[in-house]
C-alpha atoms as a PDB file:
ATOM      1  CA  MET A   1     -18.859  -4.687   8.954  1.00  0.00           C
ATOM      2  CA  ASN A   2     -16.624  -3.555   6.105  1.00  0.00           C
ATOM      3  CA  LEU A   3     -14.231  -5.678   4.084  1.00  0.00           C
ATOM      4  CA  CYS A   4     -11.237  -3.774   2.701  1.00  0.00           C
ATOM      5  CA  LEU A   5      -8.825  -5.263   0.130  1.00  0.00           C
ATOM      6  CA  ASP A   6      -5.498  -3.949  -1.097  1.00  0.00           C
ATOM      7  CA  ILE A   7      -4.325  -5.952  -4.103  1.00  0.00           C
ATOM      8  CA  GLY A   8      -0.651  -5.288  -4.720  1.00  0.00           C
ATOM      9  CA  ASN A   9       1.849  -6.713  -7.167  1.00  0.00           C
ATOM     10  CA  THR A  10       2.863  -9.619  -4.912  1.00  0.00           C
ATOM     11  CA  LYS A  11       0.394  -9.664  -1.986  1.00  0.00           C
ATOM     12  CA  ILE A  12      -3.258  -9.167  -1.183  1.00  0.00           C
ATOM     13  CA  ALA A  13      -3.832  -7.464   2.169  1.00  0.00           C
ATOM     14  CA  LEU A  14      -7.320  -7.511   3.649  1.00  0.00           C
ATOM     15  CA  ALA A  15      -8.984  -6.251   6.773  1.00  0.00           C
ATOM     16  CA  VAL A  16     -12.422  -6.427   8.338  1.00  0.00           C
ATOM     17  CA  PHE A  17     -13.592  -3.388  10.310  1.00  0.00           C
ATOM     18  CA  SER A  18     -16.572  -2.850  12.574  1.00  0.00           C
ATOM     19  CA  GLY A  19     -16.842   0.932  12.602  1.00  0.00           C
ATOM     20  CA  ASP A  20     -13.235   2.011  13.078  1.00  0.00           C
ATOM     21  CA  LYS A  21     -12.325  -1.125  15.058  1.00  0.00           C
ATOM     22  CA  LEU A  22     -10.111  -3.651  13.298  1.00  0.00           C
ATOM     23  CA  ILE A  23     -11.663  -7.123  13.606  1.00  0.00           C
ATOM     24  CA  ARG A  24      -9.446  -9.209  11.333  1.00  0.00           C
ATOM     25  CA  GLN A  25      -6.488  -8.796   9.034  1.00  0.00           C
ATOM     26  CA  ALA A  26      -4.619 -11.148   6.748  1.00  0.00           C
ATOM     27  CA  ARG A  27      -2.160 -11.214   3.842  1.00  0.00           C
ATOM     28  CA  LEU A  28      -1.977 -13.580   0.916  1.00  0.00           C
ATOM     29  CA  GLU A  29       0.958 -13.867  -1.451  1.00  0.00           C
ATOM     30  CA  HIS A  30       0.016 -14.343  -5.092  1.00  0.00           C
ATOM     31  CA  SER A  31       1.683 -14.828  -8.472  1.00  0.00           C
ATOM     32  CA  ARG A  32      -0.902 -12.789 -10.435  1.00  0.00           C
ATOM     33  CA  THR A  33      -2.572 -16.064 -11.441  1.00  0.00           C
ATOM     34  CA  LEU A  34      -4.814 -16.561  -8.413  1.00  0.00           C
ATOM     35  CA  THR A  35      -7.887 -18.543  -9.447  1.00  0.00           C
ATOM     36  CA  HIS A  36     -11.471 -17.837  -8.510  1.00  0.00           C
ATOM     37  CA  GLU A  37     -11.616 -21.122  -6.612  1.00  0.00           C
ATOM     38  CA  GLY A  38      -8.348 -20.463  -4.808  1.00  0.00           C
ATOM     39  CA  PHE A  39      -9.362 -17.004  -3.631  1.00  0.00           C
ATOM     40  CA  PHE A  40     -12.872 -18.200  -2.758  1.00  0.00           C
ATOM     41  CA  SER A  41     -11.401 -20.878  -0.485  1.00  0.00           C
ATOM     42  CA  TYR A  42      -8.991 -18.417   1.115  1.00  0.00           C
ATOM     43  CA  LEU A  43     -11.589 -15.718   1.759  1.00  0.00           C
ATOM     44  CA  GLU A  44     -14.087 -18.268   3.090  1.00  0.00           C
ATOM     45  CA  LYS A  45     -11.431 -19.468   5.564  1.00  0.00           C
ATOM     46  CA  VAL A  46     -10.390 -15.968   6.622  1.00  0.00           C
ATOM     47  CA  ILE A  47     -13.785 -14.236   6.682  1.00  0.00           C
ATOM     48  CA  GLY A  48     -16.064 -17.228   7.315  1.00  0.00           C
ATOM     49  CA  VAL A  49     -19.703 -16.314   7.760  1.00  0.00           C
ATOM     50  CA  ARG A  50     -19.103 -12.776   9.018  1.00  0.00           C
ATOM     51  CA  SER A  51     -21.829 -10.289   8.134  1.00  0.00           C
ATOM     52  CA  ILE A  52     -20.114  -8.018   5.622  1.00  0.00           C
ATOM     53  CA  LYS A  53     -22.286  -5.083   4.599  1.00  0.00           C
ATOM     54  CA  LYS A  54     -19.770  -3.183   2.423  1.00  0.00           C
ATOM     55  CA  ALA A  55     -16.590  -4.066   0.585  1.00  0.00           C
ATOM     56  CA  ALA A  56     -14.063  -2.106  -1.432  1.00  0.00           C
ATOM     57  CA  ILE A  57     -10.953  -2.899  -3.424  1.00  0.00           C
ATOM     58  CA  VAL A  58      -7.798  -0.935  -4.199  1.00  0.00           C
ATOM     59  CA  SER A  59      -5.844  -2.795  -6.866  1.00  0.00           C
ATOM     60  CA  VAL A  60      -2.845  -2.444  -9.172  1.00  0.00           C
ATOM     61  CA  VAL A  61      -3.511  -5.848 -10.825  1.00  0.00           C
ATOM     62  CA  PRO A  62      -6.624  -5.617 -13.042  1.00  0.00           C
ATOM     63  CA  ASP A  63      -7.019  -9.362 -13.576  1.00  0.00           C
ATOM     64  CA  LEU A  64      -7.047 -10.011  -9.829  1.00  0.00           C
ATOM     65  CA  THR A  65      -9.537  -7.156  -9.365  1.00  0.00           C
ATOM     66  CA  LYS A  66     -12.007  -9.115 -11.478  1.00  0.00           C
ATOM     67  CA  THR A  67     -11.298 -12.335  -9.596  1.00  0.00           C
ATOM     68  CA  ALA A  68     -11.674 -10.738  -6.162  1.00  0.00           C
ATOM     69  CA  SER A  69     -14.840  -8.874  -7.159  1.00  0.00           C
ATOM     70  CA  GLY A  70     -16.471 -12.080  -8.395  1.00  0.00           C
ATOM     71  CA  VAL A  71     -15.547 -13.997  -5.253  1.00  0.00           C
ATOM     72  CA  ILE A  72     -16.895 -11.261  -2.947  1.00  0.00           C
ATOM     73  CA  ARG A  73     -20.197 -11.192  -4.860  1.00  0.00           C
ATOM     74  CA  GLU A  74     -20.539 -14.951  -4.737  1.00  0.00           C
ATOM     75  CA  LEU A  75     -19.376 -15.587  -1.156  1.00  0.00           C
ATOM     76  CA  LEU A  76     -20.593 -12.491   0.675  1.00  0.00           C
ATOM     77  CA  ALA A  77     -23.491 -11.269  -1.540  1.00  0.00           C
ATOM     78  CA  VAL A  78     -21.911  -7.815  -1.658  1.00  0.00           C
ATOM     79  CA  ASN A  79     -21.049  -5.748  -4.740  1.00  0.00           C
ATOM     80  CA  PRO A  80     -17.581  -4.349  -3.977  1.00  0.00           C
ATOM     81  CA  LEU A  81     -16.491  -0.865  -4.899  1.00  0.00           C
ATOM     82  CA  VAL A  82     -13.361  -0.659  -7.040  1.00  0.00           C
ATOM     83  CA  ILE A  83     -11.826   2.590  -5.875  1.00  0.00           C
ATOM     84  CA  HIS A  84     -10.672   5.342  -8.253  1.00  0.00           C
ATOM     85  CA  SER A  85     -10.092   9.079  -7.920  1.00  0.00           C
ATOM     86  CA  ARG A  86     -13.735  10.071  -8.457  1.00  0.00           C
ATOM     87  CA  LEU A  87     -14.762   8.077  -5.382  1.00  0.00           C
ATOM     88  CA  LEU A  88     -12.677  10.158  -2.970  1.00  0.00           C
ATOM     89  CA  PRO A  89     -15.015  12.918  -1.689  1.00  0.00           C
ATOM     90  CA  GLY A  90     -13.410  16.311  -1.112  1.00  0.00           C
ATOM     91  CA  PHE A  91     -10.074  15.069  -2.400  1.00  0.00           C
ATOM     92  CA  LYS A  92      -8.581  16.889  -5.377  1.00  0.00           C
ATOM     93  CA  VAL A  93      -5.792  15.675  -7.631  1.00  0.00           C
ATOM     94  CA  SER A  94      -3.113  17.923  -9.064  1.00  0.00           C
ATOM     95  CA  TYR A  95      -1.637  15.535 -11.620  1.00  0.00           C
ATOM     96  CA  ARG A  96      -1.157  15.906 -15.367  1.00  0.00           C
ATOM     97  CA  ARG A  97      -2.696  12.533 -16.226  1.00  0.00           C
ATOM     98  CA  PRO A  98      -4.946  11.490 -13.311  1.00  0.00           C
ATOM     99  CA  GLU A  99      -6.001   8.360 -15.184  1.00  0.00           C
ATOM    100  CA  GLN A 100      -2.391   7.106 -14.941  1.00  0.00           C
ATOM    101  CA  LEU A 101      -2.291   7.523 -11.166  1.00  0.00           C
ATOM    102  CA  GLY A 102      -2.535   4.269  -9.241  1.00  0.00           C
ATOM    103  CA  ALA A 103      -5.451   3.951  -6.863  1.00  0.00           C
ATOM    104  CA  ASP A 104      -3.063   2.660  -4.205  1.00  0.00           C
ATOM    105  CA  ARG A 105      -1.128   5.927  -4.223  1.00  0.00           C
ATOM    106  CA  LEU A 106      -4.306   7.991  -4.136  1.00  0.00           C
ATOM    107  CA  VAL A 107      -5.801   6.087  -1.223  1.00  0.00           C
ATOM    108  CA  ASN A 108      -2.556   6.306   0.767  1.00  0.00           C
ATOM    109  CA  ALA A 109      -2.619  10.094   0.392  1.00  0.00           C
ATOM    110  CA  TYR A 110      -6.363  10.250   1.091  1.00  0.00           C
ATOM    111  CA  ALA A 111      -5.938   8.140   4.251  1.00  0.00           C
ATOM    112  CA  ALA A 112      -3.106  10.386   5.442  1.00  0.00           C
ATOM    113  CA  TRP A 113      -5.248  13.475   4.941  1.00  0.00           C
ATOM    114  CA  LYS A 114      -8.374  12.047   6.575  1.00  0.00           C
ATOM    115  CA  LEU A 115      -6.641  10.364   9.515  1.00  0.00           C
ATOM    116  CA  HIS A 116      -3.673  12.654  10.158  1.00  0.00           C
ATOM    117  CA  GLY A 117      -4.408  15.934   8.386  1.00  0.00           C
ATOM    118  CA  GLY A 118      -2.228  17.774   5.922  1.00  0.00           C
ATOM    119  CA  PRO A 119       0.298  18.503   4.755  1.00  0.00           C
ATOM    120  CA  ALA A 120       1.453  14.895   4.796  1.00  0.00           C
ATOM    121  CA  LEU A 121       3.902  12.719   2.878  1.00  0.00           C
ATOM    122  CA  VAL A 122       3.298   8.973   2.662  1.00  0.00           C
ATOM    123  CA  VAL A 123       6.098   6.595   1.747  1.00  0.00           C
ATOM    124  CA  ASP A 124       4.966   3.066   0.887  1.00  0.00           C
ATOM    125  CA  ILE A 125       7.750   0.467   0.810  1.00  0.00           C
ATOM    126  CA  GLY A 126       6.800  -2.714  -1.000  1.00  0.00           C
ATOM    127  CA  THR A 127       7.540  -4.074  -4.467  1.00  0.00           C
ATOM    128  CA  ALA A 128       8.050  -0.423  -5.386  1.00  0.00           C
ATOM    129  CA  VAL A 129       8.763   2.539  -3.134  1.00  0.00           C
ATOM    130  CA  THR A 130       6.320   5.400  -3.617  1.00  0.00           C
ATOM    131  CA  TRP A 131       6.268   8.936  -2.196  1.00  0.00           C
ATOM    132  CA  ASP A 132       2.875  10.686  -2.219  1.00  0.00           C
ATOM    133  CA  ALA A 133       2.200  14.191  -0.953  1.00  0.00           C
ATOM    134  CA  VAL A 134      -1.051  15.853   0.085  1.00  0.00           C
ATOM    135  CA  ASP A 135      -1.318  19.482   1.152  1.00  0.00           C
ATOM    136  CA  SER A 136      -3.352  21.037   3.957  1.00  0.00           C
ATOM    137  CA  ARG A 137      -6.363  21.571   1.651  1.00  0.00           C
ATOM    138  CA  GLY A 138      -6.606  17.905   0.734  1.00  0.00           C
ATOM    139  CA  VAL A 139      -5.012  18.242  -2.695  1.00  0.00           C
ATOM    140  CA  PHE A 140      -2.849  15.388  -3.951  1.00  0.00           C
ATOM    141  CA  ARG A 141       0.326  17.079  -5.189  1.00  0.00           C
ATOM    142  CA  GLY A 142       2.207  14.166  -6.751  1.00  0.00           C
ATOM    143  CA  GLY A 143       5.263  12.237  -5.641  1.00  0.00           C
ATOM    144  CA  ALA A 144       7.838   9.737  -6.851  1.00  0.00           C
ATOM    145  CA  ILE A 145       8.291   6.042  -7.656  1.00  0.00           C
ATOM    146  CA  ALA A 146      11.408   3.876  -7.346  1.00  0.00           C
ATOM    147  CA  PRO A 147      12.198   0.143  -7.277  1.00  0.00           C
ATOM    148  CA  GLY A 148      11.617  -1.534  -3.929  1.00  0.00           C
ATOM    149  CA  PRO A 149      14.411  -3.285  -2.021  1.00  0.00           C
ATOM    150  CA  GLY A 150      13.224  -6.743  -3.049  1.00  0.00           C
ATOM    151  CA  LEU A 151      13.432  -5.792  -6.728  1.00  0.00           C
ATOM    152  CA  LEU A 152      16.942  -4.394  -6.198  1.00  0.00           C
ATOM    153  CA  LEU A 153      18.144  -7.624  -4.600  1.00  0.00           C
ATOM    154  CA  LYS A 154      16.548  -9.702  -7.338  1.00  0.00           C
ATOM    155  CA  ALA A 155      18.063  -7.553 -10.103  1.00  0.00           C
ATOM    156  CA  LEU A 156      21.560  -7.842  -8.605  1.00  0.00           C
ATOM    157  CA  ALA A 157      21.295 -11.622  -8.336  1.00  0.00           C
ATOM    158  CA  GLU A 158      19.835 -12.100 -11.830  1.00  0.00           C
ATOM    159  CA  ARG A 159      21.817  -9.528 -13.793  1.00  0.00           C
ATOM    160  CA  THR A 160      25.312 -10.130 -12.405  1.00  0.00           C
ATOM    161  CA  ALA A 161      27.592 -13.148 -12.682  1.00  0.00           C
ATOM    162  CA  GLN A 162      28.976 -13.293  -9.155  1.00  0.00           C
ATOM    163  CA  LEU A 163      26.677 -11.476  -6.761  1.00  0.00           C
ATOM    164  CA  PRO A 164      24.657 -13.878  -4.588  1.00  0.00           C
ATOM    165  CA  GLU A 165      20.933 -13.863  -3.870  1.00  0.00           C
ATOM    166  CA  VAL A 166      20.538 -12.231  -0.464  1.00  0.00           C
ATOM    167  CA  VAL A 167      17.600 -12.335   1.940  1.00  0.00           C
ATOM    168  CA  LEU A 168      16.262  -8.885   2.726  1.00  0.00           C
ATOM    169  CA  LYS A 169      16.770  -7.855   6.341  1.00  0.00           C
ATOM    170  CA  ARG A 170      18.232  -4.969   8.300  1.00  0.00           C
ATOM    171  CA  ALA A 171      21.973  -4.521   7.841  1.00  0.00           C
ATOM    172  CA  PRO A 172      23.454  -3.781  11.302  1.00  0.00           C
ATOM    173  CA  LEU A 173      26.496  -2.071   9.763  1.00  0.00           C
ATOM    174  CA  ALA A 174      26.954  -0.039   6.613  1.00  0.00           C
ATOM    175  CA  THR A 175      30.385  -1.524   6.002  1.00  0.00           C
ATOM    176  CA  GLY A 176      29.954  -5.123   4.855  1.00  0.00           C
ATOM    177  CA  ARG A 177      32.760  -7.622   5.483  1.00  0.00           C
ATOM    178  CA  ASP A 178      31.734 -10.100   2.786  1.00  0.00           C
ATOM    179  CA  THR A 179      29.823  -9.861  -0.496  1.00  0.00           C
ATOM    180  CA  ALA A 180      26.445 -10.811   0.958  1.00  0.00           C
ATOM    181  CA  GLU A 181      26.803  -8.199   3.700  1.00  0.00           C
ATOM    182  CA  CYS A 182      27.818  -5.582   1.145  1.00  0.00           C
ATOM    183  CA  VAL A 183      24.742  -6.273  -0.985  1.00  0.00           C
ATOM    184  CA  ARG A 184      22.472  -6.214   2.049  1.00  0.00           C
ATOM    185  CA  SER A 185      23.995  -2.962   3.269  1.00  0.00           C
ATOM    186  CA  GLY A 186      23.730  -1.296  -0.114  1.00  0.00           C
ATOM    187  CA  VAL A 187      20.079  -2.214  -0.550  1.00  0.00           C
ATOM    188  CA  TYR A 188      18.970  -1.604   3.043  1.00  0.00           C
ATOM    189  CA  TRP A 189      20.830   1.638   3.792  1.00  0.00           C
ATOM    190  CA  GLY A 190      20.455   2.767   0.201  1.00  0.00           C
ATOM    191  CA  THR A 191      16.664   2.496   0.597  1.00  0.00           C
ATOM    192  CA  VAL A 192      16.791   4.422   3.901  1.00  0.00           C
ATOM    193  CA  GLY A 193      18.864   7.176   2.274  1.00  0.00           C
ATOM    194  CA  MET A 194      16.636   7.288  -0.802  1.00  0.00           C
ATOM    195  CA  VAL A 195      13.503   7.629   1.346  1.00  0.00           C
ATOM    196  CA  ARG A 196      15.018  10.476   3.371  1.00  0.00           C
ATOM    197  CA  GLU A 197      16.484  12.370   0.423  1.00  0.00           C
ATOM    198  CA  LEU A 198      13.329  12.372  -1.660  1.00  0.00           C
ATOM    199  CA  ALA A 199      11.211  13.221   1.385  1.00  0.00           C
ATOM    200  CA  GLU A 200      13.398  16.273   2.053  1.00  0.00           C
ATOM    201  CA  ARG A 201      13.278  17.400  -1.572  1.00  0.00           C
ATOM    202  CA  ILE A 202       9.497  16.975  -1.816  1.00  0.00           C
ATOM    203  CA  ALA A 203       9.024  18.914   1.431  1.00  0.00           C
ATOM    204  CA  ARG A 204      11.134  21.780   0.067  1.00  0.00           C
ATOM    205  CA  GLU A 205       9.116  21.862  -3.129  1.00  0.00           C
ATOM    206  CA  LEU A 206       5.872  21.850  -1.122  1.00  0.00           C
ATOM    207  CA  GLN A 207       7.289  24.690   0.985  1.00  0.00           C
ATOM    208  CA  ALA A 208       5.893  22.888   3.994  1.00  0.00           C
ATOM    209  CA  LYS A 209       6.899  20.570   6.797  1.00  0.00           C
ATOM    210  CA  PRO A 210       4.662  17.564   6.155  1.00  0.00           C
ATOM    211  CA  ARG A 211       3.790  14.828   8.598  1.00  0.00           C
ATOM    212  CA  LEU A 212       5.923  11.849   7.560  1.00  0.00           C
ATOM    213  CA  LEU A 213       4.084   8.542   7.297  1.00  0.00           C
ATOM    214  CA  LEU A 214       5.587   5.163   6.504  1.00  0.00           C
ATOM    215  CA  THR A 215       3.504   2.235   5.289  1.00  0.00           C
ATOM    216  CA  GLY A 216       3.573  -0.836   3.052  1.00  0.00           C
ATOM    217  CA  GLY A 217       4.523  -4.412   3.741  1.00  0.00           C
ATOM    218  CA  LEU A 218       8.187  -3.505   4.297  1.00  0.00           C
ATOM    219  CA  GLY A 219       7.525  -0.286   6.198  1.00  0.00           C
ATOM    220  CA  PRO A 220       8.054  -1.849   9.658  1.00  0.00           C
ATOM    221  CA  LEU A 221      11.457  -3.215   8.602  1.00  0.00           C
ATOM    222  CA  PHE A 222      12.766   0.281   7.831  1.00  0.00           C
ATOM    223  CA  ALA A 223      10.871   2.190  10.525  1.00  0.00           C
ATOM    224  CA  PRO A 224      13.564   1.940  13.256  1.00  0.00           C
ATOM    225  CA  ASP A 225      16.012   3.836  11.040  1.00  0.00           C
ATOM    226  CA  LEU A 226      13.576   6.534   9.943  1.00  0.00           C
ATOM    227  CA  LYS A 227      13.349   8.606  13.110  1.00  0.00           C
ATOM    228  CA  GLY A 228      10.471  11.029  13.316  1.00  0.00           C
ATOM    229  CA  TRP A 229       8.276   8.996  10.966  1.00  0.00           C
ATOM    230  CA  THR A 230       4.956   7.420  11.938  1.00  0.00           C
ATOM    231  CA  CYS A 231       4.750   3.823  10.736  1.00  0.00           C
ATOM    232  CA  ASP A 232       1.292   2.417   9.981  1.00  0.00           C
ATOM    233  CA  PRO A 233       1.289  -0.718   7.794  1.00  0.00           C
ATOM    234  CA  LEU A 234      -2.531  -0.609   7.691  1.00  0.00           C
ATOM    235  CA  LEU A 235      -2.820   2.978   6.483  1.00  0.00           C
ATOM    236  CA  MET A 236      -4.351   2.110   3.104  1.00  0.00           C
ATOM    237  CA  LEU A 237      -6.834  -0.391   4.575  1.00  0.00           C
ATOM    238  CA  LYS A 238      -7.892   2.220   7.150  1.00  0.00           C
ATOM    239  CA  GLY A 239      -8.334   4.740   4.336  1.00  0.00           C
ATOM    240  CA  ILE A 240     -10.563   2.322   2.430  1.00  0.00           C
ATOM    241  CA  ASN A 241     -12.633   1.844   5.583  1.00  0.00           C
ATOM    242  CA  VAL A 242     -12.981   5.607   6.064  1.00  0.00           C
ATOM    243  CA  LEU A 243     -14.156   5.914   2.471  1.00  0.00           C
ATOM    244  CA  LEU A 244     -16.700   3.092   2.885  1.00  0.00           C
ATOM    245  CA  ALA A 245     -18.078   4.711   6.045  1.00  0.00           C
ATOM    246  CA  GLY A 246     -19.192   7.726   4.009  1.00  0.00           C
ATOM    247  CA  ILE A 247     -20.702   5.843   1.060  1.00  0.00           C
ATOM    248  CA  GLU A 248     -24.161   4.291   0.937  1.00  0.00           C
ATOM    249  CA  ILE A 249     -24.189   1.126  -1.122  1.00  0.00           C
ATOM    250  CA  ARG A 250     -27.560   0.185  -2.571  1.00  0.00           C
ATOM    251  CA  ASP A 251     -26.596  -2.488  -5.035  1.00  0.00           C
ATOM    252  CA  LYS A 252     -26.089  -5.388  -2.654  1.00  0.00           C
ATOM    253  CA  LYS A 253     -26.481  -8.627  -4.537  1.00  0.00           C
ATOM    254  CA  ARG A 254     -29.782 -10.368  -3.926  1.00  0.00           C
END
């Protein structure tokens, strides 16, 4: 079985696969200060004594990458792969500074190409919103990054004197009738509009009609209002599993 971890800015998503069958999935919120003992206890509870043969990590938080790697070695006796661009077979990157490209964005595009074919455009809605495009030849073409809806709500509450802190959820109407409704509408429908507009512009620049894929922890919230998009919150974890399926790992800890 394969253990796949996606370490984001606020959550760790993990999944266990047997072949291409999902066995277990879980999410853990973190504050970037997760201890070795804390993650060990969590992983032991979630994974238990399952026979994990391979593990891989996609991470945007370097300190937590080290913590998670150490826990996996100690608990599961497996040396996890930390994924970067050179580990994606057959996948080329057209980017000025590839070393600045987050592994999460790369794996989203790689997963789209391997599982759905190209051209494809992946939009991941989480702490940030990212757009990542891959062409029909499996070349990562770039994309865009913007603040996520949670960050927008937090910024409005913290940087203004009178706007309230609002819980993120779907706004049924665009026209709010009180301040909280107005904030919720602006953030929710503004995110929907931003996703559509950038997707249309990227498609025109690609001179293609890409398959539109929606993912990320907040993807399902916005999916009903993004018609014609395929929503798969587990896209990145599936991509990690596809990658692991094609890699032989010899350095299992003794």
